[in-house]
Amino acid sequence: GCHGPAGQGAAAVPAVGGQHKRYLQKQLREWRAGERTNSPGGVMNSVAAKLTDEEIDALADHASGL
């Protein structure tokens, strides 16, 4: 929801739709591991912490095709 129905982003939320799958996978894994901390309020760290590798792959696959 935060990134919009087509992944287009919003004022303080980056676009993810159409990004490269491997890029999205890397970012999500880095947020999950706490290696990336630039998400306002740690929102992406909290979201990614709950994702398995399989869920990250599926999410990246979906977003890259938007």
Protein backbone atom coordinates (compact mmCIF):
# COMPACT_ATOMS: atom_id res chain seq x y z
CA GLY A 1 0.00 0.00 0.00
CA CYS A 2 2.73 2.50 0.83
CA HIS A 3 4.32 2.32 -2.61
CA GLY A 4 0.98 2.52 -4.45
CA PRO A 5 -1.00 -0.07 -6.41
CA ALA A 6 1.40 0.09 -9.37
CA GLY A 7 4.52 0.61 -7.25
CA GLN A 8 4.71 4.22 -8.43
CA GLY A 9 5.67 5.64 -5.03
CA ALA A 10 4.50 8.85 -3.37
CA ALA A 11 5.92 12.02 -1.82
CA ALA A 12 8.34 10.35 0.64
CA VAL A 13 8.03 6.79 -0.69
CA PRO A 14 10.19 5.63 -3.61
CA ALA A 15 8.84 3.90 -6.69
CA VAL A 16 9.49 0.14 -6.71
CA GLY A 17 7.40 -0.87 -9.71
CA GLY A 18 9.59 -1.91 -12.61
CA GLN A 19 12.83 -1.99 -10.61
CA HIS A 20 15.17 -4.88 -11.35
CA LYS A 21 14.30 -8.02 -9.40
CA ARG A 22 17.85 -8.57 -8.11
CA TYR A 23 18.05 -4.96 -6.91
CA LEU A 24 14.80 -5.33 -4.95
CA GLN A 25 15.92 -8.66 -3.47
CA LYS A 26 19.21 -7.13 -2.33
CA GLN A 27 17.56 -4.12 -0.72
CA LEU A 28 14.96 -6.21 1.10
CA ARG A 29 17.61 -8.61 2.41
CA GLU A 30 19.76 -5.69 3.58
CA TRP A 31 16.80 -4.13 5.43
CA ARG A 32 16.00 -7.49 6.99
CA ALA A 33 19.60 -7.91 8.16
CA GLY A 34 19.77 -4.36 9.50
CA GLU A 35 22.54 -3.48 7.02
CA ARG A 36 20.34 -0.81 5.47
CA THR A 37 18.71 1.70 7.83
CA ASN A 38 17.61 4.63 5.66
CA SER A 39 13.89 3.85 5.84
CA PRO A 40 12.01 6.60 7.74
CA GLY A 41 11.12 5.27 11.17
CA GLY A 42 12.64 1.89 10.27
CA VAL A 43 9.44 0.90 8.47
CA MET A 44 11.19 -1.20 5.83
CA ASN A 45 13.39 -2.85 8.44
CA SER A 46 10.28 -3.90 10.37
CA VAL A 47 8.49 -5.13 7.26
CA ALA A 48 11.49 -6.99 5.82
CA ALA A 49 12.30 -8.62 9.19
CA LYS A 50 9.13 -10.68 8.85
CA LEU A 51 9.89 -11.95 5.33
CA THR A 52 11.45 -15.27 4.41
CA ASP A 53 13.84 -15.59 1.46
CA GLU A 54 11.01 -17.11 -0.56
CA GLU A 55 8.69 -14.20 0.26
CA ILE A 56 11.38 -11.69 -0.67
CA ASP A 57 11.88 -13.45 -4.00
CA ALA A 58 8.13 -13.45 -4.69
CA LEU A 59 7.73 -9.81 -3.69
CA ALA A 60 10.67 -8.73 -5.84
CA ASP A 61 9.34 -10.76 -8.75
CA HIS A 62 5.93 -9.13 -8.45
CA ALA A 63 7.20 -5.55 -8.02
CA SER A 64 9.66 -5.83 -10.89
CA GLY A 65 6.79 -6.71 -13.22
CA LEU A 66 4.59 -3.74 -12.30
